[in-house]
Amino acid sequence: MYHVAPLQAVAELPGSPHATENETCSPRLSLSFPPREAAAATAAIMGIDIRHNKDRKVRRKEPKSQDIYLRLLVKLYRFLARRTNSSFNRVVLKRLFMSRTNRPPLSMSRLIRKMKLQGRENKTAVVVGCITDDVRIHDIPKLKVCALKITSGARSRILKSGGQIMTFDQLALAAPKGQNTVLLSGPRKAREVYRHFGKAPGTPHSRTKPYVLSKGRKFERARGRRASRGYKN
């Protein structure tokens, strides 16, 4: 172990900044440390040099779209998110920034199913995205919805059943803190591309859809498809 001299002893060393003018100054005071302890001593003096070139938060702070109406809504909900303590406004603002793949359309059937849940009667369904029609549904209940976009078929059926359709600026006046609302969104993983994600196609217990040139007798019908050719999934 190496002991460090006290401050008084250091001051008495020749060449020290605390030494008097009459003392002779030696050119340099050299201390010999082993390599490991020398590195530790240097780290203790200089600190740790942390790499910061990858430090960034990858998230949107504004929409990529240049649609002026969308950007006006962003201005409105940025103000509401800042001046109110409502998490509803913060979530709506965040969803207004999102890409179209992260704002999938919500079908009429899913909207009706979600609004039929207990405690959601007479509440406004809020969708930061598009609401689409579903011809498989014949009876449309009375709905009160707010969305960025509603297809013409869905719009006519909602209004015909006595429902109400609001825009987000109207919602901000009616419910500035999001009271009596239900935030809904479409299924993000309903896109066909998600069928190709996962374990490699053809491997045991894989249900991943392969990318093939065509479907037919000559395309990927052997190993993994027939028990007589290795295994069958």
C-alpha atoms as a PDB file:
ATOM      1  CA  MET A   1       0.000   0.000   0.000  1.00  0.00           C
ATOM      2  CA  TYR A   2       1.091   3.551  -0.728  1.00  0.00           C
ATOM      3  CA  HIS A   3       0.489   6.261   1.819  1.00  0.00           C
ATOM      4  CA  VAL A   4      -0.169   9.841   0.781  1.00  0.00           C
ATOM      5  CA  ALA A   5       1.711  12.479   2.721  1.00  0.00           C
ATOM      6  CA  PRO A   6      -0.389  14.949   4.716  1.00  0.00           C
ATOM      7  CA  LEU A   7      -0.931  18.454   3.379  1.00  0.00           C
ATOM      8  CA  GLN A   8       1.640  19.978   5.738  1.00  0.00           C
ATOM      9  CA  ALA A   9       4.285  17.529   4.567  1.00  0.00           C
ATOM     10  CA  VAL A  10       3.404  18.233   0.936  1.00  0.00           C
ATOM     11  CA  ALA A  11       3.736  21.957   1.562  1.00  0.00           C
ATOM     12  CA  GLU A  12       7.227  21.394   2.917  1.00  0.00           C
ATOM     13  CA  LEU A  13       8.359  19.520  -0.195  1.00  0.00           C
ATOM     14  CA  PRO A  14      10.645  21.492  -2.481  1.00  0.00           C
ATOM     15  CA  GLY A  15       8.861  22.465  -5.680  1.00  0.00           C
ATOM     16  CA  SER A  16       5.472  22.617  -3.950  1.00  0.00           C
ATOM     17  CA  PRO A  17       3.261  25.651  -4.686  1.00  0.00           C
ATOM     18  CA  HIS A  18       3.063  26.110  -0.904  1.00  0.00           C
ATOM     19  CA  ALA A  19       6.846  26.280  -0.531  1.00  0.00           C
ATOM     20  CA  THR A  20       8.551  29.563   0.302  1.00  0.00           C
ATOM     21  CA  GLU A  21      10.575  31.565  -2.187  1.00  0.00           C
ATOM     22  CA  ASN A  22      13.888  30.832  -0.393  1.00  0.00           C
ATOM     23  CA  GLU A  23      13.493  27.084  -0.943  1.00  0.00           C
ATOM     24  CA  THR A  24      15.055  25.505  -3.967  1.00  0.00           C
ATOM     25  CA  CYS A  25      12.534  23.966  -6.344  1.00  0.00           C
ATOM     26  CA  SER A  26      13.199  20.562  -7.856  1.00  0.00           C
ATOM     27  CA  PRO A  27      12.074  20.130 -11.511  1.00  0.00           C
ATOM     28  CA  ARG A  28       9.479  17.359 -10.821  1.00  0.00           C
ATOM     29  CA  LEU A  29       8.364  15.137  -7.980  1.00  0.00           C
ATOM     30  CA  SER A  30       7.900  11.621  -9.397  1.00  0.00           C
ATOM     31  CA  LEU A  31       5.900   8.875  -7.671  1.00  0.00           C
ATOM     32  CA  SER A  32       6.060   5.313  -8.932  1.00  0.00           C
ATOM     33  CA  PHE A  33       2.712   3.434  -8.924  1.00  0.00           C
ATOM     34  CA  PRO A  34       2.020  -0.080 -10.238  1.00  0.00           C
ATOM     35  CA  PRO A  35       0.003   0.042 -13.517  1.00  0.00           C
ATOM     36  CA  ARG A  36      -3.319  -1.071 -12.004  1.00  0.00           C
ATOM     37  CA  GLU A  37      -3.187   1.317  -9.059  1.00  0.00           C
ATOM     38  CA  ALA A  38      -1.980   4.114 -11.321  1.00  0.00           C
ATOM     39  CA  ALA A  39      -5.065   3.610 -13.519  1.00  0.00           C
ATOM     40  CA  ALA A  40      -7.304   3.591 -10.441  1.00  0.00           C
ATOM     41  CA  ALA A  41      -5.704   6.780  -9.183  1.00  0.00           C
ATOM     42  CA  THR A  42      -6.191   8.438 -12.588  1.00  0.00           C
ATOM     43  CA  ALA A  43      -9.859   7.363 -12.692  1.00  0.00           C
ATOM     44  CA  ALA A  44     -10.393   8.714  -9.196  1.00  0.00           C
ATOM     45  CA  ILE A  45      -9.003  12.063 -10.275  1.00  0.00           C
ATOM     46  CA  MET A  46     -10.546  12.372 -13.744  1.00  0.00           C
ATOM     47  CA  GLY A  47     -13.837  10.499 -13.359  1.00  0.00           C
ATOM     48  CA  ILE A  48     -15.438   8.179 -15.910  1.00  0.00           C
ATOM     49  CA  ASP A  49     -15.679   9.231 -19.526  1.00  0.00           C
ATOM     50  CA  ILE A  50     -19.183   8.105 -20.583  1.00  0.00           C
ATOM     51  CA  ARG A  51     -19.916   7.900 -24.284  1.00  0.00           C
ATOM     52  CA  HIS A  52     -22.817  10.170 -25.157  1.00  0.00           C
ATOM     53  CA  ASN A  53     -22.972   9.877 -28.934  1.00  0.00           C
ATOM     54  CA  LYS A  54     -25.887   7.397 -28.735  1.00  0.00           C
ATOM     55  CA  ASP A  55     -27.844   9.334 -26.118  1.00  0.00           C
ATOM     56  CA  ARG A  56     -31.134  10.353 -27.684  1.00  0.00           C
ATOM     57  CA  LYS A  57     -34.788   9.682 -27.027  1.00  0.00           C
ATOM     58  CA  VAL A  58     -36.349   8.298 -30.177  1.00  0.00           C
ATOM     59  CA  ARG A  59     -39.877   9.583 -30.050  1.00  0.00           C
ATOM     60  CA  ARG A  60     -41.930  12.037 -32.040  1.00  0.00           C
ATOM     61  CA  LYS A  61     -42.383  15.554 -30.774  1.00  0.00           C
ATOM     62  CA  GLU A  62     -44.559  16.608 -33.703  1.00  0.00           C
ATOM     63  CA  PRO A  63     -46.375  14.865 -36.566  1.00  0.00           C
ATOM     64  CA  LYS A  64     -44.544  14.138 -39.810  1.00  0.00           C
ATOM     65  CA  SER A  65     -47.623  15.211 -41.757  1.00  0.00           C
ATOM     66  CA  GLN A  66     -47.865  18.791 -43.005  1.00  0.00           C
ATOM     67  CA  ASP A  67     -51.680  18.746 -42.880  1.00  0.00           C
ATOM     68  CA  ILE A  68     -52.599  22.158 -41.475  1.00  0.00           C
ATOM     69  CA  TYR A  69     -55.755  20.878 -39.777  1.00  0.00           C
ATOM     70  CA  LEU A  70     -53.837  18.130 -37.974  1.00  0.00           C
ATOM     71  CA  ARG A  71     -51.214  20.654 -36.883  1.00  0.00           C
ATOM     72  CA  LEU A  72     -53.923  22.968 -35.546  1.00  0.00           C
ATOM     73  CA  LEU A  73     -55.219  20.069 -33.440  1.00  0.00           C
ATOM     74  CA  VAL A  74     -51.663  19.495 -32.197  1.00  0.00           C
ATOM     75  CA  LYS A  75     -51.480  23.149 -31.129  1.00  0.00           C
ATOM     76  CA  LEU A  76     -54.808  22.831 -29.326  1.00  0.00           C
ATOM     77  CA  TYR A  77     -53.996  19.613 -27.463  1.00  0.00           C
ATOM     78  CA  ARG A  78     -50.433  20.712 -26.701  1.00  0.00           C
ATOM     79  CA  PHE A  79     -52.003  23.648 -24.856  1.00  0.00           C
ATOM     80  CA  LEU A  80     -54.548  21.415 -23.075  1.00  0.00           C
ATOM     81  CA  ALA A  81     -51.894  18.859 -22.104  1.00  0.00           C
ATOM     82  CA  ARG A  82     -49.736  21.619 -20.634  1.00  0.00           C
ATOM     83  CA  ARG A  83     -52.434  23.578 -18.823  1.00  0.00           C
ATOM     84  CA  THR A  84     -54.565  20.718 -17.454  1.00  0.00           C
ATOM     85  CA  ASN A  85     -53.620  17.810 -15.249  1.00  0.00           C
ATOM     86  CA  SER A  86     -55.557  15.360 -17.441  1.00  0.00           C
ATOM     87  CA  SER A  87     -53.737  12.318 -18.812  1.00  0.00           C
ATOM     88  CA  PHE A  88     -56.426  12.093 -21.520  1.00  0.00           C
ATOM     89  CA  ASN A  89     -55.065  15.189 -23.264  1.00  0.00           C
ATOM     90  CA  ARG A  90     -51.489  13.900 -23.047  1.00  0.00           C
ATOM     91  CA  VAL A  91     -52.476  10.582 -24.637  1.00  0.00           C
ATOM     92  CA  VAL A  92     -54.447  12.281 -27.419  1.00  0.00           C
ATOM     93  CA  LEU A  93     -51.496  14.573 -28.157  1.00  0.00           C
ATOM     94  CA  LYS A  94     -49.116  11.614 -28.305  1.00  0.00           C
ATOM     95  CA  ARG A  95     -51.432   9.741 -30.677  1.00  0.00           C
ATOM     96  CA  LEU A  96     -51.753  12.777 -32.944  1.00  0.00           C
ATOM     97  CA  PHE A  97     -47.985  12.492 -33.527  1.00  0.00           C
ATOM     98  CA  MET A  98     -48.146   8.817 -34.521  1.00  0.00           C
ATOM     99  CA  SER A  99     -47.629   7.323 -37.953  1.00  0.00           C
ATOM    100  CA  ARG A 100     -50.535   5.802 -39.866  1.00  0.00           C
ATOM    101  CA  THR A 101     -49.393   2.241 -39.103  1.00  0.00           C
ATOM    102  CA  ASN A 102     -49.657   3.076 -35.400  1.00  0.00           C
ATOM    103  CA  ARG A 103     -53.135   4.592 -35.912  1.00  0.00           C
ATOM    104  CA  PRO A 104     -54.947   1.622 -37.507  1.00  0.00           C
ATOM    105  CA  PRO A 105     -58.619   1.993 -38.467  1.00  0.00           C
ATOM    106  CA  LEU A 106     -61.310   0.909 -36.029  1.00  0.00           C
ATOM    107  CA  SER A 107     -64.238  -1.028 -37.498  1.00  0.00           C
ATOM    108  CA  MET A 108     -67.833  -0.343 -36.570  1.00  0.00           C
ATOM    109  CA  SER A 109     -68.226  -3.854 -35.140  1.00  0.00           C
ATOM    110  CA  ARG A 110     -65.294  -3.400 -32.741  1.00  0.00           C
ATOM    111  CA  LEU A 111     -66.535   0.067 -31.779  1.00  0.00           C
ATOM    112  CA  ILE A 112     -69.995  -1.289 -30.908  1.00  0.00           C
ATOM    113  CA  ARG A 113     -68.517  -4.217 -28.984  1.00  0.00           C
ATOM    114  CA  LYS A 114     -66.256  -1.962 -26.903  1.00  0.00           C
ATOM    115  CA  MET A 115     -69.001   0.549 -26.147  1.00  0.00           C
ATOM    116  CA  LYS A 116     -71.404  -2.187 -24.988  1.00  0.00           C
ATOM    117  CA  LEU A 117     -69.181  -2.926 -21.973  1.00  0.00           C
ATOM    118  CA  GLN A 118     -70.531  -2.106 -18.538  1.00  0.00           C
ATOM    119  CA  GLY A 119     -70.134   1.492 -17.419  1.00  0.00           C
ATOM    120  CA  ARG A 120     -69.717   2.914 -20.918  1.00  0.00           C
ATOM    121  CA  GLU A 121     -73.316   3.922 -21.530  1.00  0.00           C
ATOM    122  CA  ASN A 122     -73.805   7.544 -22.626  1.00  0.00           C
ATOM    123  CA  LYS A 123     -70.051   8.055 -22.999  1.00  0.00           C
ATOM    124  CA  THR A 124     -68.220   9.441 -26.021  1.00  0.00           C
ATOM    125  CA  ALA A 125     -65.980   7.058 -27.967  1.00  0.00           C
ATOM    126  CA  VAL A 126     -62.753   8.864 -28.933  1.00  0.00           C
ATOM    127  CA  VAL A 127     -60.627   7.433 -31.751  1.00  0.00           C
ATOM    128  CA  VAL A 128     -57.419   9.168 -32.868  1.00  0.00           C
ATOM    129  CA  GLY A 129     -57.733   7.587 -36.294  1.00  0.00           C
ATOM    130  CA  CYS A 130     -60.361   6.413 -38.767  1.00  0.00           C
ATOM    131  CA  ILE A 131     -63.678   4.632 -38.114  1.00  0.00           C
ATOM    132  CA  THR A 132     -64.724   2.298 -40.932  1.00  0.00           C
ATOM    133  CA  ASP A 133     -68.046   0.685 -41.785  1.00  0.00           C
ATOM    134  CA  ASP A 134     -68.772  -3.017 -41.255  1.00  0.00           C
ATOM    135  CA  VAL A 135     -71.553  -4.392 -43.463  1.00  0.00           C
ATOM    136  CA  ARG A 136     -71.821  -7.534 -41.315  1.00  0.00           C
ATOM    137  CA  ILE A 137     -73.458  -5.451 -38.571  1.00  0.00           C
ATOM    138  CA  HIS A 138     -77.140  -4.758 -39.225  1.00  0.00           C
ATOM    139  CA  ASP A 139     -78.310  -3.018 -36.057  1.00  0.00           C
ATOM    140  CA  ILE A 140     -76.344   0.093 -35.104  1.00  0.00           C
ATOM    141  CA  PRO A 141     -77.018   1.426 -31.591  1.00  0.00           C
ATOM    142  CA  LYS A 142     -77.082   5.122 -30.785  1.00  0.00           C
ATOM    143  CA  LEU A 143     -73.443   6.181 -30.554  1.00  0.00           C
ATOM    144  CA  LYS A 144     -71.595   9.371 -29.715  1.00  0.00           C
ATOM    145  CA  VAL A 145     -68.175   9.322 -31.376  1.00  0.00           C
ATOM    146  CA  CYS A 146     -65.222  11.615 -31.998  1.00  0.00           C
ATOM    147  CA  ALA A 147     -62.616  10.668 -34.602  1.00  0.00           C
ATOM    148  CA  LEU A 148     -60.065  12.155 -36.977  1.00  0.00           C
ATOM    149  CA  LYS A 149     -61.883  10.592 -39.919  1.00  0.00           C
ATOM    150  CA  ILE A 150     -65.074   8.566 -40.484  1.00  0.00           C
ATOM    151  CA  THR A 151     -65.860   6.854 -43.761  1.00  0.00           C
ATOM    152  CA  SER A 152     -69.023   7.917 -45.569  1.00  0.00           C
ATOM    153  CA  GLY A 153     -70.767   4.581 -44.944  1.00  0.00           C
ATOM    154  CA  ALA A 154     -70.020   4.605 -41.227  1.00  0.00           C
ATOM    155  CA  ARG A 155     -70.995   8.275 -40.942  1.00  0.00           C
ATOM    156  CA  SER A 156     -74.405   7.794 -42.555  1.00  0.00           C
ATOM    157  CA  ARG A 157     -75.214   4.731 -40.437  1.00  0.00           C
ATOM    158  CA  ILE A 158     -74.236   6.423 -37.167  1.00  0.00           C
ATOM    159  CA  LEU A 159     -76.320   9.512 -37.938  1.00  0.00           C
ATOM    160  CA  LYS A 160     -79.256   7.412 -39.189  1.00  0.00           C
ATOM    161  CA  SER A 161     -79.419   5.569 -35.866  1.00  0.00           C
ATOM    162  CA  GLY A 162     -79.645   8.882 -33.974  1.00  0.00           C
ATOM    163  CA  GLY A 163     -75.989   9.073 -33.012  1.00  0.00           C
ATOM    164  CA  GLN A 164     -73.686  12.076 -32.858  1.00  0.00           C
ATOM    165  CA  ILE A 165     -70.321  12.703 -34.539  1.00  0.00           C
ATOM    166  CA  MET A 166     -67.858  15.241 -33.117  1.00  0.00           C
ATOM    167  CA  THR A 167     -64.544  16.669 -34.225  1.00  0.00           C
ATOM    168  CA  PHE A 168     -61.625  17.043 -31.816  1.00  0.00           C
ATOM    169  CA  ASP A 169     -62.001  20.813 -31.520  1.00  0.00           C
ATOM    170  CA  GLN A 170     -65.661  20.299 -30.568  1.00  0.00           C
ATOM    171  CA  LEU A 171     -64.581  17.647 -28.057  1.00  0.00           C
ATOM    172  CA  ALA A 172     -62.078  20.077 -26.518  1.00  0.00           C
ATOM    173  CA  LEU A 173     -64.954  22.485 -25.797  1.00  0.00           C
ATOM    174  CA  ALA A 174     -67.359  19.796 -24.568  1.00  0.00           C
ATOM    175  CA  ALA A 175     -64.834  17.811 -22.498  1.00  0.00           C
ATOM    176  CA  PRO A 176     -61.588  19.771 -21.994  1.00  0.00           C
ATOM    177  CA  LYS A 177     -60.319  17.167 -19.521  1.00  0.00           C
ATOM    178  CA  GLY A 178     -61.729  14.143 -21.350  1.00  0.00           C
ATOM    179  CA  GLN A 179     -64.548  13.550 -18.894  1.00  0.00           C
ATOM    180  CA  ASN A 180     -67.131  10.895 -19.877  1.00  0.00           C
ATOM    181  CA  THR A 181     -65.009   9.634 -22.768  1.00  0.00           C
ATOM    182  CA  VAL A 182     -63.581   6.249 -23.744  1.00  0.00           C
ATOM    183  CA  LEU A 183     -60.299   6.239 -25.683  1.00  0.00           C
ATOM    184  CA  LEU A 184     -60.271   3.479 -28.302  1.00  0.00           C
ATOM    185  CA  SER A 185     -57.853   2.405 -31.018  1.00  0.00           C
ATOM    186  CA  GLY A 186     -57.761  -0.172 -33.777  1.00  0.00           C
ATOM    187  CA  PRO A 187     -55.703  -3.385 -33.686  1.00  0.00           C
ATOM    188  CA  ARG A 188     -52.091  -2.500 -34.525  1.00  0.00           C
ATOM    189  CA  LYS A 189     -51.081  -6.059 -35.345  1.00  0.00           C
ATOM    190  CA  ALA A 190     -53.923  -6.746 -37.771  1.00  0.00           C
ATOM    191  CA  ARG A 191     -51.690  -5.889 -40.738  1.00  0.00           C
ATOM    192  CA  GLU A 192     -50.742  -8.825 -42.974  1.00  0.00           C
ATOM    193  CA  VAL A 193     -47.043  -8.100 -42.513  1.00  0.00           C
ATOM    194  CA  TYR A 194     -47.206  -9.297 -38.886  1.00  0.00           C
ATOM    195  CA  ARG A 195     -47.963 -12.833 -40.135  1.00  0.00           C
ATOM    196  CA  HIS A 196     -44.390 -12.994 -41.449  1.00  0.00           C
ATOM    197  CA  PHE A 197     -42.790 -12.026 -38.108  1.00  0.00           C
ATOM    198  CA  GLY A 198     -41.623 -14.621 -35.606  1.00  0.00           C
ATOM    199  CA  LYS A 199     -39.803 -17.917 -35.703  1.00  0.00           C
ATOM    200  CA  ALA A 200     -38.327 -18.776 -39.093  1.00  0.00           C
ATOM    201  CA  PRO A 201     -40.852 -20.394 -41.459  1.00  0.00           C
ATOM    202  CA  GLY A 202     -40.403 -24.131 -41.839  1.00  0.00           C
ATOM    203  CA  THR A 203     -38.718 -24.698 -38.467  1.00  0.00           C
ATOM    204  CA  PRO A 204     -40.436 -26.989 -35.934  1.00  0.00           C
ATOM    205  CA  HIS A 205     -43.441 -25.456 -34.160  1.00  0.00           C
ATOM    206  CA  SER A 206     -43.284 -22.329 -36.313  1.00  0.00           C
ATOM    207  CA  ARG A 207     -46.525 -20.732 -37.477  1.00  0.00           C
ATOM    208  CA  THR A 208     -44.838 -17.915 -39.370  1.00  0.00           C
ATOM    209  CA  LYS A 209     -46.054 -17.241 -42.893  1.00  0.00           C
ATOM    210  CA  PRO A 210     -43.274 -17.602 -45.492  1.00  0.00           C
ATOM    211  CA  TYR A 211     -42.596 -15.267 -48.377  1.00  0.00           C
ATOM    212  CA  VAL A 212     -43.061 -17.484 -51.461  1.00  0.00           C
ATOM    213  CA  LEU A 213     -43.211 -16.826 -55.188  1.00  0.00           C
ATOM    214  CA  SER A 214     -46.530 -18.601 -55.535  1.00  0.00           C
ATOM    215  CA  LYS A 215     -48.856 -21.169 -53.996  1.00  0.00           C
ATOM    216  CA  GLY A 216     -49.015 -24.556 -55.653  1.00  0.00           C
ATOM    217  CA  ARG A 217     -47.651 -28.072 -55.936  1.00  0.00           C
ATOM    218  CA  LYS A 218     -44.055 -26.983 -56.503  1.00  0.00           C
ATOM    219  CA  PHE A 219     -43.742 -24.374 -53.742  1.00  0.00           C
ATOM    220  CA  GLU A 220     -42.703 -25.327 -50.184  1.00  0.00           C
ATOM    221  CA  ARG A 221     -44.665 -28.565 -49.896  1.00  0.00           C
ATOM    222  CA  ALA A 222     -41.957 -30.883 -48.521  1.00  0.00           C
ATOM    223  CA  ARG A 223     -40.032 -30.545 -45.220  1.00  0.00           C
ATOM    224  CA  GLY A 224     -42.208 -28.998 -42.549  1.00  0.00           C
ATOM    225  CA  ARG A 225     -45.399 -29.639 -44.519  1.00  0.00           C
ATOM    226  CA  ARG A 226     -45.417 -33.460 -44.625  1.00  0.00           C
ATOM    227  CA  ALA A 227     -44.536 -35.935 -41.898  1.00  0.00           C
ATOM    228  CA  SER A 228     -42.829 -38.160 -44.479  1.00  0.00           C
ATOM    229  CA  ARG A 229     -40.334 -35.359 -45.233  1.00  0.00           C
ATOM    230  CA  GLY A 230     -38.687 -34.699 -41.890  1.00  0.00           C
ATOM    231  CA  TYR A 231     -41.525 -33.266 -39.812  1.00  0.00           C
ATOM    232  CA  LYS A 232     -44.900 -31.610 -40.119  1.00  0.00           C
ATOM    233  CA  ASN A 233     -45.811 -28.438 -38.252  1.00  0.00           C
END
